[in-house]
PDB file of N, CA and C in Angstrom:
ATOM      1  N   UNK A   1      42.935   5.230  14.370  1.00  0.00           N
ATOM      2  CA  UNK A   1      43.355   6.337  13.528  1.00  0.00           C
ATOM      3  C   UNK A   1      44.629   5.978  12.747  1.00  0.00           C
ATOM      4  N   UNK A   2      45.524   5.267  13.394  1.00  0.00           N
ATOM      5  CA  UNK A   2      46.779   4.869  12.741  1.00  0.00           C
ATOM      6  C   UNK A   2      46.488   3.933  11.571  1.00  0.00           C
ATOM      7  N   UNK A   3      45.489   3.073  11.731  1.00  0.00           N
ATOM      8  CA  UNK A   3      45.139   2.153  10.645  1.00  0.00           C
ATOM      9  C   UNK A   3      44.694   2.925   9.407  1.00  0.00           C
ATOM     10  N   UNK A   4      43.826   3.924   9.597  1.00  0.00           N
ATOM     11  CA  UNK A   4      43.344   4.718   8.474  1.00  0.00           C
ATOM     12  C   UNK A   4      44.455   5.530   7.838  1.00  0.00           C
ATOM     13  N   UNK A   5      45.344   6.066   8.635  1.00  0.00           N
ATOM     14  CA  UNK A   5      46.476   6.816   8.085  1.00  0.00           C
ATOM     15  C   UNK A   5      47.407   5.901   7.294  1.00  0.00           C
ATOM     16  N   UNK A   6      47.584   4.682   7.782  1.00  0.00           N
ATOM     17  CA  UNK A   6      48.416   3.716   7.071  1.00  0.00           C
ATOM     18  C   UNK A   6      47.788   3.359   5.725  1.00  0.00           C
ATOM     19  N   UNK A   7      46.476   3.108   5.724  1.00  0.00           N
ATOM     20  CA  UNK A   7      45.779   2.785   4.476  1.00  0.00           C
ATOM     21  C   UNK A   7      45.871   3.960   3.504  1.00  0.00           C
ATOM     22  N   UNK A   8      45.647   5.162   3.997  1.00  0.00           N
ATOM     23  CA  UNK A   8      45.744   6.354   3.155  1.00  0.00           C
ATOM     24  C   UNK A   8      47.153   6.527   2.592  1.00  0.00           C
ATOM     25  N   UNK A   9      48.161   6.337   3.439  1.00  0.00           N
ATOM     26  CA  UNK A   9      49.557   6.453   2.992  1.00  0.00           C
ATOM     27  C   UNK A   9      49.902   5.418   1.939  1.00  0.00           C
ATOM     28  N   UNK A  10      49.444   4.170   2.145  1.00  0.00           N
ATOM     29  CA  UNK A  10      49.720   3.117   1.165  1.00  0.00           C
ATOM     30  C   UNK A  10      49.036   3.422  -0.162  1.00  0.00           C
ATOM     31  N   UNK A  11      47.817   3.957  -0.091  1.00  0.00           N
ATOM     32  CA  UNK A  11      47.112   4.327  -1.317  1.00  0.00           C
ATOM     33  C   UNK A  11      47.833   5.434  -2.065  1.00  0.00           C
ATOM     34  N   UNK A  12      48.325   6.425  -1.329  1.00  0.00           N
ATOM     35  CA  UNK A  12      49.052   7.524  -1.966  1.00  0.00           C
ATOM     36  C   UNK A  12      50.352   7.040  -2.606  1.00  0.00           C
ATOM     37  N   UNK A  13      51.067   6.169  -1.930  1.00  0.00           N
ATOM     38  CA  UNK A  13      52.316   5.633  -2.485  1.00  0.00           C
ATOM     39  C   UNK A  13      52.023   4.828  -3.747  1.00  0.00           C
ATOM     40  N   UNK A  14      50.994   3.991  -3.698  1.00  0.00           N
ATOM     41  CA  UNK A  14      50.622   3.204  -4.875  1.00  0.00           C
ATOM     42  C   UNK A  14      50.241   4.111  -6.038  1.00  0.00           C
ATOM     43  N   UNK A  15      49.449   5.131  -5.762  1.00  0.00           N
ATOM     44  CA  UNK A  15      49.036   6.075  -6.791  1.00  0.00           C
ATOM     45  C   UNK A  15      50.246   6.807  -7.377  1.00  0.00           C
ATOM     46  N   UNK A  16      51.160   7.227  -6.521  1.00  0.00           N
ATOM     47  CA  UNK A  16      52.344   7.950  -6.990  1.00  0.00           C
ATOM     48  C   UNK A  16      53.214   7.066  -7.886  1.00  0.00           C
ATOM     49  N   UNK A  17      53.373   5.811  -7.513  1.00  0.00           N
ATOM     50  CA  UNK A  17      54.186   4.895  -8.323  1.00  0.00           C
ATOM     51  C   UNK A  17      53.542   4.704  -9.700  1.00  0.00           C
ATOM     52  N   UNK A  18      52.249   4.483  -9.722  1.00  0.00           N
ATOM     53  CA  UNK A  18      51.568   4.279 -11.008  1.00  0.00           C
ATOM     54  C   UNK A  18      51.586   5.545 -11.854  1.00  0.00           C
ATOM     55  N   UNK A  19      51.353   6.680 -11.226  1.00  0.00           N
ATOM     56  CA  UNK A  19      51.352   7.942 -11.948  1.00  0.00           C
ATOM     57  C   UNK A  19      52.739   8.243 -12.524  1.00  0.00           C
ATOM     58  N   UNK A  20      53.790   7.941 -11.765  1.00  0.00           N
ATOM     59  CA  UNK A  20      55.135   8.207 -12.266  1.00  0.00           C
ATOM     60  C   UNK A  20      55.447   7.345 -13.491  1.00  0.00           C
ATOM     61  N   UNK A  21      55.012   6.091 -13.478  1.00  0.00           N
ATOM     62  CA  UNK A  21      55.251   5.232 -14.638  1.00  0.00           C
ATOM     63  C   UNK A  21      54.449   5.698 -15.847  1.00  0.00           C
ATOM     64  N   UNK A  22      53.218   6.129 -15.614  1.00  0.00           N
ATOM     65  CA  UNK A  22      52.402   6.626 -16.724  1.00  0.00           C
ATOM     66  C   UNK A  22      53.033   7.882 -17.312  1.00  0.00           C
ATOM     67  N   UNK A  23      53.462   8.775 -16.445  1.00  0.00           N
ATOM     68  CA  UNK A  23      54.075  10.016 -16.923  1.00  0.00           C
ATOM     69  C   UNK A  23      55.388   9.724 -17.655  1.00  0.00           C
ATOM     70  N   UNK A  24      56.182   8.788 -17.131  1.00  0.00           N
ATOM     71  CA  UNK A  24      57.458   8.452 -17.755  1.00  0.00           C
ATOM     72  C   UNK A  24      57.257   7.789 -19.113  1.00  0.00           C
ATOM     73  N   UNK A  25      56.363   6.803 -19.163  1.00  0.00           N
ATOM     74  CA  UNK A  25      56.146   6.094 -20.428  1.00  0.00           C
ATOM     75  C   UNK A  25      55.403   6.953 -21.442  1.00  0.00           C
ATOM     76  N   UNK A  26      54.660   7.957 -20.971  1.00  0.00           N
ATOM     77  CA  UNK A  26      53.955   8.838 -21.886  1.00  0.00           C
ATOM     78  C   UNK A  26      54.881   9.801 -22.598  1.00  0.00           C
ATOM     79  N   UNK A  27      56.038  10.061 -22.029  1.00  0.00           N
ATOM     80  CA  UNK A  27      56.972  11.027 -22.607  1.00  0.00           C
ATOM     81  C   UNK A  27      58.093  10.395 -23.417  1.00  0.00           C
ATOM     82  N   UNK A  28      58.282   9.111 -23.266  1.00  0.00           N
ATOM     83  CA  UNK A  28      59.386   8.479 -23.992  1.00  0.00           C
ATOM     84  C   UNK A  28      58.838   7.432 -24.959  1.00  0.00           C
ATOM     85  N   UNK A  29      59.636   7.112 -25.945  1.00  0.00           N
ATOM     86  CA  UNK A  29      59.258   6.111 -26.922  1.00  0.00           C
ATOM     87  C   UNK A  29      59.626   4.734 -26.362  1.00  0.00           C
ATOM     88  N   UNK A  30      58.628   3.887 -26.196  1.00  0.00           N
ATOM     89  CA  UNK A  30      58.848   2.546 -25.663  1.00  0.00           C
ATOM     90  C   UNK A  30      59.303   1.643 -26.796  1.00  0.00           C
ATOM     91  N   UNK A  31      60.406   0.926 -26.595  1.00  0.00           N
ATOM     92  CA  UNK A  31      60.897   0.030 -27.643  1.00  0.00           C
ATOM     93  C   UNK A  31      59.863  -1.057 -27.981  1.00  0.00           C
ATOM     94  N   UNK A  32      59.839  -1.491 -29.221  1.00  0.00           N
ATOM     95  CA  UNK A  32      58.854  -2.516 -29.633  1.00  0.00           C
ATOM     96  C   UNK A  32      58.938  -3.799 -28.811  1.00  0.00           C
ATOM     97  N   UNK A  33      60.144  -4.202 -28.425  1.00  0.00           N
ATOM     98  CA  UNK A  33      60.297  -5.421 -27.629  1.00  0.00           C
ATOM     99  C   UNK A  33      59.605  -5.275 -26.282  1.00  0.00           C
ATOM    100  N   UNK A  34      59.761  -4.131 -25.640  1.00  0.00           N
ATOM    101  CA  UNK A  34      59.101  -3.883 -24.353  1.00  0.00           C
ATOM    102  C   UNK A  34      57.589  -3.812 -24.546  1.00  0.00           C
ATOM    103  N   UNK A  35      57.137  -3.157 -25.590  1.00  0.00           N
ATOM    104  CA  UNK A  35      55.714  -3.053 -25.879  1.00  0.00           C
ATOM    105  C   UNK A  35      55.095  -4.430 -26.089  1.00  0.00           C
ATOM    106  N   UNK A  36      55.798  -5.305 -26.813  1.00  0.00           N
ATOM    107  CA  UNK A  36      55.302  -6.671 -27.008  1.00  0.00           C
ATOM    108  C   UNK A  36      55.259  -7.420 -25.688  1.00  0.00           C
ATOM    109  N   UNK A  37      56.267  -7.221 -24.858  1.00  0.00           N
ATOM    110  CA  UNK A  37      56.295  -7.887 -23.556  1.00  0.00           C
ATOM    111  C   UNK A  37      55.191  -7.411 -22.629  1.00  0.00           C
ATOM    112  N   UNK A  38      54.873  -6.138 -22.676  1.00  0.00           N
ATOM    113  CA  UNK A  38      53.825  -5.590 -21.815  1.00  0.00           C
ATOM    114  C   UNK A  38      52.442  -6.116 -22.175  1.00  0.00           C
ATOM    115  N   UNK A  39      52.265  -6.579 -23.398  1.00  0.00           N
ATOM    116  CA  UNK A  39      50.978  -7.162 -23.783  1.00  0.00           C
ATOM    117  C   UNK A  39      50.661  -8.420 -22.993  1.00  0.00           C
ATOM    118  N   UNK A  40      51.688  -9.096 -22.487  1.00  0.00           N
ATOM    119  CA  UNK A  40      51.485 -10.353 -21.764  1.00  0.00           C
ATOM    120  C   UNK A  40      51.273 -10.160 -20.273  1.00  0.00           C
ATOM    121  N   UNK A  41      51.393  -8.950 -19.769  1.00  0.00           N
ATOM    122  CA  UNK A  41      51.243  -8.706 -18.335  1.00  0.00           C
ATOM    123  C   UNK A  41      49.821  -9.008 -17.848  1.00  0.00           C
ATOM    124  N   UNK A  42      48.759  -8.480 -18.468  1.00  0.00           N
ATOM    125  CA  UNK A  42      47.412  -8.777 -17.952  1.00  0.00           C
ATOM    126  C   UNK A  42      47.066 -10.265 -17.901  1.00  0.00           C
ATOM    127  N   UNK A  43      47.323 -11.055 -18.968  1.00  0.00           N
ATOM    128  CA  UNK A  43      47.006 -12.479 -18.840  1.00  0.00           C
ATOM    129  C   UNK A  43      47.861 -13.185 -17.791  1.00  0.00           C
ATOM    130  N   UNK A  44      49.102 -12.756 -17.637  1.00  0.00           N
ATOM    131  CA  UNK A  44      49.969 -13.391 -16.640  1.00  0.00           C
ATOM    132  C   UNK A  44      49.473 -13.097 -15.230  1.00  0.00           C
ATOM    133  N   UNK A  45      49.069 -11.869 -14.976  1.00  0.00           N
ATOM    134  CA  UNK A  45      48.563 -11.514 -13.647  1.00  0.00           C
ATOM    135  C   UNK A  45      47.250 -12.236 -13.375  1.00  0.00           C
ATOM    136  N   UNK A  46      46.366 -12.261 -14.353  1.00  0.00           N
ATOM    137  CA  UNK A  46      45.094 -12.953 -14.180  1.00  0.00           C
ATOM    138  C   UNK A  46      45.315 -14.442 -13.919  1.00  0.00           C
ATOM    139  N   UNK A  47      46.233 -15.043 -14.638  1.00  0.00           N
ATOM    140  CA  UNK A  47      46.546 -16.461 -14.423  1.00  0.00           C
ATOM    141  C   UNK A  47      47.125 -16.699 -13.037  1.00  0.00           C
ATOM    142  N   UNK A  48      47.965 -15.795 -12.581  1.00  0.00           N
ATOM    143  CA  UNK A  48      48.573 -15.934 -11.259  1.00  0.00           C
ATOM    144  C   UNK A  48      47.537 -15.821 -10.148  1.00  0.00           C
ATOM    145  N   UNK A  49      46.462 -15.112 -10.398  1.00  0.00           N
ATOM    146  CA  UNK A  49      45.402 -14.988  -9.401  1.00  0.00           C
ATOM    147  C   UNK A  49      44.446 -16.178  -9.464  1.00  0.00           C
ATOM    148  N   UNK A  50      44.078 -16.595 -10.662  1.00  0.00           N
ATOM    149  CA  UNK A  50      43.024 -17.598 -10.823  1.00  0.00           C
ATOM    150  C   UNK A  50      43.512 -19.037 -10.643  1.00  0.00           C
ATOM    151  N   UNK A  51      44.609 -19.416 -11.270  1.00  0.00           N
ATOM    152  CA  UNK A  51      45.019 -20.825 -11.261  1.00  0.00           C
ATOM    153  C   UNK A  51      45.304 -21.398  -9.878  1.00  0.00           C
ATOM    154  N   UNK A  52      45.936 -20.675  -8.955  1.00  0.00           N
ATOM    155  CA  UNK A  52      46.086 -21.263  -7.618  1.00  0.00           C
ATOM    156  C   UNK A  52      44.747 -21.560  -6.940  1.00  0.00           C
ATOM    157  N   UNK A  53      43.743 -20.715  -7.169  1.00  0.00           N
ATOM    158  CA  UNK A  53      42.425 -20.965  -6.589  1.00  0.00           C
ATOM    159  C   UNK A  53      41.755 -22.184  -7.209  1.00  0.00           C
ATOM    160  N   UNK A  54      41.968 -22.386  -8.495  1.00  0.00           N
ATOM    161  CA  UNK A  54      41.343 -23.525  -9.167  1.00  0.00           C
ATOM    162  C   UNK A  54      42.063 -24.836  -8.884  1.00  0.00           C
ATOM    163  N   UNK A  55      43.370 -24.802  -8.835  1.00  0.00           N
ATOM    164  CA  UNK A  55      44.147 -26.042  -8.741  1.00  0.00           C
ATOM    165  C   UNK A  55      44.509 -26.453  -7.315  1.00  0.00           C
ATOM    166  N   UNK A  56      44.502 -25.513  -6.379  1.00  0.00           N
ATOM    167  CA  UNK A  56      44.866 -25.833  -4.989  1.00  0.00           C
ATOM    168  C   UNK A  56      43.836 -25.263  -4.018  1.00  0.00           C
ATOM    169  N   UNK A  57      42.589 -25.742  -4.080  1.00  0.00           N
ATOM    170  CA  UNK A  57      41.553 -25.168  -3.213  1.00  0.00           C
ATOM    171  C   UNK A  57      41.776 -25.439  -1.725  1.00  0.00           C
ATOM    172  N   UNK A  58      42.404 -26.530  -1.382  1.00  0.00           N
ATOM    173  CA  UNK A  58      42.643 -26.856   0.028  1.00  0.00           C
ATOM    174  C   UNK A  58      44.123 -26.729   0.392  1.00  0.00           C
ATOM    175  N   UNK A  59      44.894 -26.087  -0.455  1.00  0.00           N
ATOM    176  CA  UNK A  59      46.313 -25.906  -0.175  1.00  0.00           C
ATOM    177  C   UNK A  59      47.209 -26.944  -0.823  1.00  0.00           C
ATOM    178  N   UNK A  60      46.613 -27.997  -1.366  1.00  0.00           N
ATOM    179  CA  UNK A  60      47.391 -29.012  -2.079  1.00  0.00           C
ATOM    180  C   UNK A  60      46.820 -29.161  -3.487  1.00  0.00           C
ATOM    181  N   UNK A  61      47.648 -29.598  -4.404  1.00  0.00           N
ATOM    182  CA  UNK A  61      47.233 -29.747  -5.802  1.00  0.00           C
ATOM    183  C   UNK A  61      46.101 -30.759  -5.903  1.00  0.00           C
ATOM    184  N   UNK A  62      45.006 -30.364  -6.550  1.00  0.00           N
ATOM    185  CA  UNK A  62      43.842 -31.232  -6.716  1.00  0.00           C
ATOM    186  C   UNK A  62      43.293 -31.055  -8.132  1.00  0.00           C
ATOM    187  N   UNK A  63      43.581 -32.026  -9.001  1.00  0.00           N
ATOM    188  CA  UNK A  63      43.072 -31.985 -10.369  1.00  0.00           C
ATOM    189  C   UNK A  63      42.060 -33.106 -10.602  1.00  0.00           C
ATOM    190  N   UNK A  64      41.416 -33.542  -9.537  1.00  0.00           N
ATOM    191  CA  UNK A  64      40.445 -34.622  -9.632  1.00  0.00           C
ATOM    192  C   UNK A  64      39.070 -34.069  -9.995  1.00  0.00           C
ATOM    193  N   UNK A  65      38.171 -34.945 -10.437  1.00  0.00           N
ATOM    194  CA  UNK A  65      36.798 -34.509 -10.724  1.00  0.00           C
ATOM    195  C   UNK A  65      36.048 -34.031  -9.480  1.00  0.00           C
ATOM    196  N   UNK A  66      36.570 -34.298  -8.303  1.00  0.00           N
ATOM    197  CA  UNK A  66      35.933 -33.840  -7.065  1.00  0.00           C
ATOM    198  C   UNK A  66      36.234 -32.368  -6.780  1.00  0.00           C
ATOM    199  N   UNK A  67      37.152 -31.769  -7.535  1.00  0.00           N
ATOM    200  CA  UNK A  67      37.505 -30.361  -7.348  1.00  0.00           C
ATOM    201  C   UNK A  67      36.440 -29.498  -8.028  1.00  0.00           C
ATOM    202  N   UNK A  68      35.519 -28.993  -7.220  1.00  0.00           N
ATOM    203  CA  UNK A  68      34.383 -28.225  -7.722  1.00  0.00           C
ATOM    204  C   UNK A  68      34.849 -26.944  -8.419  1.00  0.00           C
ATOM    205  N   UNK A  69      35.829 -26.286  -7.854  1.00  0.00           N
ATOM    206  CA  UNK A  69      36.310 -25.024  -8.433  1.00  0.00           C
ATOM    207  C   UNK A  69      36.959 -25.245  -9.800  1.00  0.00           C
ATOM    208  N   UNK A  70      37.689 -26.323  -9.940  1.00  0.00           N
ATOM    209  CA  UNK A  70      38.318 -26.617 -11.230  1.00  0.00           C
ATOM    210  C   UNK A  70      37.258 -26.890 -12.297  1.00  0.00           C
ATOM    211  N   UNK A  71      36.240 -27.661 -11.946  1.00  0.00           N
ATOM    212  CA  UNK A  71      35.164 -27.935 -12.905  1.00  0.00           C
ATOM    213  C   UNK A  71      34.439 -26.642 -13.298  1.00  0.00           C
ATOM    214  N   UNK A  72      34.173 -25.792 -12.325  1.00  0.00           N
ATOM    215  CA  UNK A  72      33.515 -24.516 -12.617  1.00  0.00           C
ATOM    216  C   UNK A  72      34.426 -23.626 -13.464  1.00  0.00           C
ATOM    217  N   UNK A  73      35.716 -23.665 -13.204  1.00  0.00           N
ATOM    218  CA  UNK A  73      36.664 -22.882 -13.998  1.00  0.00           C
ATOM    219  C   UNK A  73      36.728 -23.342 -15.436  1.00  0.00           C
ATOM    220  N   UNK A  74      36.690 -24.643 -15.635  1.00  0.00           N
ATOM    221  CA  UNK A  74      36.707 -25.186 -16.997  1.00  0.00           C
ATOM    222  C   UNK A  74      35.432 -24.783 -17.740  1.00  0.00           C
ATOM    223  N   UNK A  75      34.277 -24.913 -17.066  1.00  0.00           N
ATOM    224  CA  UNK A  75      33.024 -24.500 -17.696  1.00  0.00           C
ATOM    225  C   UNK A  75      33.025 -23.002 -17.995  1.00  0.00           C
ATOM    226  N   UNK A  76      33.542 -22.203 -17.069  1.00  0.00           N
ATOM    227  CA  UNK A  76      33.613 -20.750 -17.291  1.00  0.00           C
ATOM    228  C   UNK A  76      34.514 -20.416 -18.473  1.00  0.00           C
ATOM    229  N   UNK A  77      35.622 -21.122 -18.598  1.00  0.00           N
ATOM    230  CA  UNK A  77      36.520 -20.888 -19.732  1.00  0.00           C
ATOM    231  C   UNK A  77      35.822 -21.213 -21.054  1.00  0.00           C
ATOM    232  N   UNK A  78      35.043 -22.276 -21.064  1.00  0.00           N
ATOM    233  CA  UNK A  78      34.296 -22.632 -22.277  1.00  0.00           C
ATOM    234  C   UNK A  78      33.235 -21.586 -22.605  1.00  0.00           C
ATOM    235  N   UNK A  79      32.531 -21.101 -21.576  1.00  0.00           N
ATOM    236  CA  UNK A  79      31.521 -20.061 -21.796  1.00  0.00           C
ATOM    237  C   UNK A  79      32.184 -18.787 -22.309  1.00  0.00           C
ATOM    238  N   UNK A  80      33.316 -18.425 -21.719  1.00  0.00           N
ATOM    239  CA  UNK A  80      34.033 -17.217 -22.158  1.00  0.00           C
ATOM    240  C   UNK A  80      34.495 -17.355 -23.602  1.00  0.00           C
ATOM    241  N   UNK A  81      34.990 -18.515 -23.941  1.00  0.00           N
ATOM    242  CA  UNK A  81      35.483 -18.747 -25.307  1.00  0.00           C
ATOM    243  C   UNK A  81      34.353 -18.684 -26.328  1.00  0.00           C
ATOM    244  N   UNK A  82      33.203 -19.282 -25.994  1.00  0.00           N
ATOM    245  CA  UNK A  82      32.099 -19.332 -26.946  1.00  0.00           C
ATOM    246  C   UNK A  82      31.323 -18.024 -27.037  1.00  0.00           C
ATOM    247  N   UNK A  83      31.126 -17.336 -25.896  1.00  0.00           N
ATOM    248  CA  UNK A  83      30.244 -16.164 -25.899  1.00  0.00           C
ATOM    249  C   UNK A  83      30.988 -14.837 -25.886  1.00  0.00           C
ATOM    250  N   UNK A  84      32.205 -14.818 -25.363  1.00  0.00           N
ATOM    251  CA  UNK A  84      32.970 -13.573 -25.200  1.00  0.00           C
ATOM    252  C   UNK A  84      32.201 -12.557 -24.340  1.00  0.00           C
ATOM    253  N   UNK A  85      31.378 -13.052 -23.412  1.00  0.00           N
ATOM    254  CA  UNK A  85      30.550 -12.221 -22.548  1.00  0.00           C
ATOM    255  C   UNK A  85      31.031 -12.392 -21.106  1.00  0.00           C
ATOM    256  N   UNK A  86      31.560 -11.321 -20.520  1.00  0.00           N
ATOM    257  CA  UNK A  86      32.128 -11.399 -19.175  1.00  0.00           C
ATOM    258  C   UNK A  86      31.052 -11.722 -18.146  1.00  0.00           C
ATOM    259  N   UNK A  87      29.912 -11.043 -18.226  1.00  0.00           N
ATOM    260  CA  UNK A  87      28.849 -11.274 -17.256  1.00  0.00           C
ATOM    261  C   UNK A  87      28.372 -12.719 -17.300  1.00  0.00           C
ATOM    262  N   UNK A  88      28.146 -13.242 -18.482  1.00  0.00           N
ATOM    263  CA  UNK A  88      27.684 -14.624 -18.624  1.00  0.00           C
ATOM    264  C   UNK A  88      28.744 -15.609 -18.116  1.00  0.00           C
ATOM    265  N   UNK A  89      29.997 -15.303 -18.343  1.00  0.00           N
ATOM    266  CA  UNK A  89      31.084 -16.154 -17.864  1.00  0.00           C
ATOM    267  C   UNK A  89      31.090 -16.216 -16.345  1.00  0.00           C
ATOM    268  N   UNK A  90      30.997 -15.058 -15.696  1.00  0.00           N
ATOM    269  CA  UNK A  90      31.001 -15.015 -14.229  1.00  0.00           C
ATOM    270  C   UNK A  90      29.763 -15.718 -13.681  1.00  0.00           C
ATOM    271  N   UNK A  91      28.611 -15.460 -14.291  1.00  0.00           N
ATOM    272  CA  UNK A  91      27.375 -16.084 -13.823  1.00  0.00           C
ATOM    273  C   UNK A  91      27.441 -17.605 -13.967  1.00  0.00           C
ATOM    274  N   UNK A  92      27.959 -18.091 -15.075  1.00  0.00           N
ATOM    275  CA  UNK A  92      28.064 -19.539 -15.285  1.00  0.00           C
ATOM    276  C   UNK A  92      29.009 -20.170 -14.272  1.00  0.00           C
ATOM    277  N   UNK A  93      30.126 -19.514 -14.005  1.00  0.00           N
ATOM    278  CA  UNK A  93      31.074 -20.041 -13.031  1.00  0.00           C
ATOM    279  C   UNK A  93      30.501 -20.079 -11.631  1.00  0.00           C
ATOM    280  N   UNK A  94      29.860 -18.993 -11.226  1.00  0.00           N
ATOM    281  CA  UNK A  94      29.278 -18.950  -9.883  1.00  0.00           C
ATOM    282  C   UNK A  94      28.151 -19.955  -9.731  1.00  0.00           C
ATOM    283  N   UNK A  95      27.276 -20.042 -10.735  1.00  0.00           N
ATOM    284  CA  UNK A  95      26.174 -21.001 -10.672  1.00  0.00           C
ATOM    285  C   UNK A  95      26.701 -22.427 -10.609  1.00  0.00           C
ATOM    286  N   UNK A  96      27.726 -22.716 -11.382  1.00  0.00           N
ATOM    287  CA  UNK A  96      28.309 -24.060 -11.370  1.00  0.00           C
ATOM    288  C   UNK A  96      28.878 -24.398 -10.002  1.00  0.00           C
ATOM    289  N   UNK A  97      29.599 -23.465  -9.394  1.00  0.00           N
ATOM    290  CA  UNK A  97      30.164 -23.719  -8.057  1.00  0.00           C
ATOM    291  C   UNK A  97      29.040 -23.959  -7.056  1.00  0.00           C
ATOM    292  N   UNK A  98      28.020 -23.124  -7.073  1.00  0.00           N
ATOM    293  CA  UNK A  98      26.928 -23.274  -6.111  1.00  0.00           C
ATOM    294  C   UNK A  98      26.195 -24.599  -6.302  1.00  0.00           C
ATOM    295  N   UNK A  99      25.910 -24.954  -7.536  1.00  0.00           N
ATOM    296  CA  UNK A  99      25.182 -26.211  -7.797  1.00  0.00           C
ATOM    297  C   UNK A  99      26.027 -27.409  -7.402  1.00  0.00           C
ATOM    298  N   UNK A 100      27.291 -27.428  -7.804  1.00  0.00           N
ATOM    299  CA  UNK A 100      28.144 -28.568  -7.470  1.00  0.00           C
ATOM    300  C   UNK A 100      28.395 -28.674  -5.964  1.00  0.00           C
ATOM    301  N   UNK A 101      28.532 -27.521  -5.295  1.00  0.00           N
ATOM    302  CA  UNK A 101      28.717 -27.552  -3.838  1.00  0.00           C
ATOM    303  C   UNK A 101      27.468 -28.109  -3.155  1.00  0.00           C
ATOM    304  N   UNK A 102      26.282 -27.759  -3.669  1.00  0.00           N
ATOM    305  CA  UNK A 102      25.032 -28.283  -3.092  1.00  0.00           C
ATOM    306  C   UNK A 102      24.903 -29.789  -3.338  1.00  0.00           C
ATOM    307  N   UNK A 103      25.365 -30.264  -4.497  1.00  0.00           N
ATOM    308  CA  UNK A 103      25.288 -31.683  -4.809  1.00  0.00           C
ATOM    309  C   UNK A 103      26.292 -32.495  -4.013  1.00  0.00           C
ATOM    310  N   UNK A 104      27.447 -31.913  -3.742  1.00  0.00           N
ATOM    311  CA  UNK A 104      28.511 -32.640  -3.025  1.00  0.00           C
ATOM    312  C   UNK A 104      28.151 -32.801  -1.548  1.00  0.00           C
ATOM    313  N   UNK A 105      27.507 -31.797  -0.979  1.00  0.00           N
ATOM    314  CA  UNK A 105      27.199 -31.855   0.469  1.00  0.00           C
ATOM    315  C   UNK A 105      26.056 -32.738   0.779  1.00  0.00           C
TER     316      UNK A 105
END
């Protein structure tokens, strides 16, 4: 029961923090410099999540051709750039990882 209450409490705190920022920024004029800076938040967060998985799959830096995740990431980036289709990008990346993992084993 304590686990569920903790999860619920953490969710409420997270929601309150986000709601307060939305309410605050909705009522005030955001300076252009801040607005320009906020445009870079989504790519920075996405990069912070993805690049460690691609470059350090075993906990150490691996940029060799044997790094299956890096190869799949590069192919996914090319598919995303050419098609601009999220579903196709994810499918290409997953298929590449599965095929390369089957070939390596």
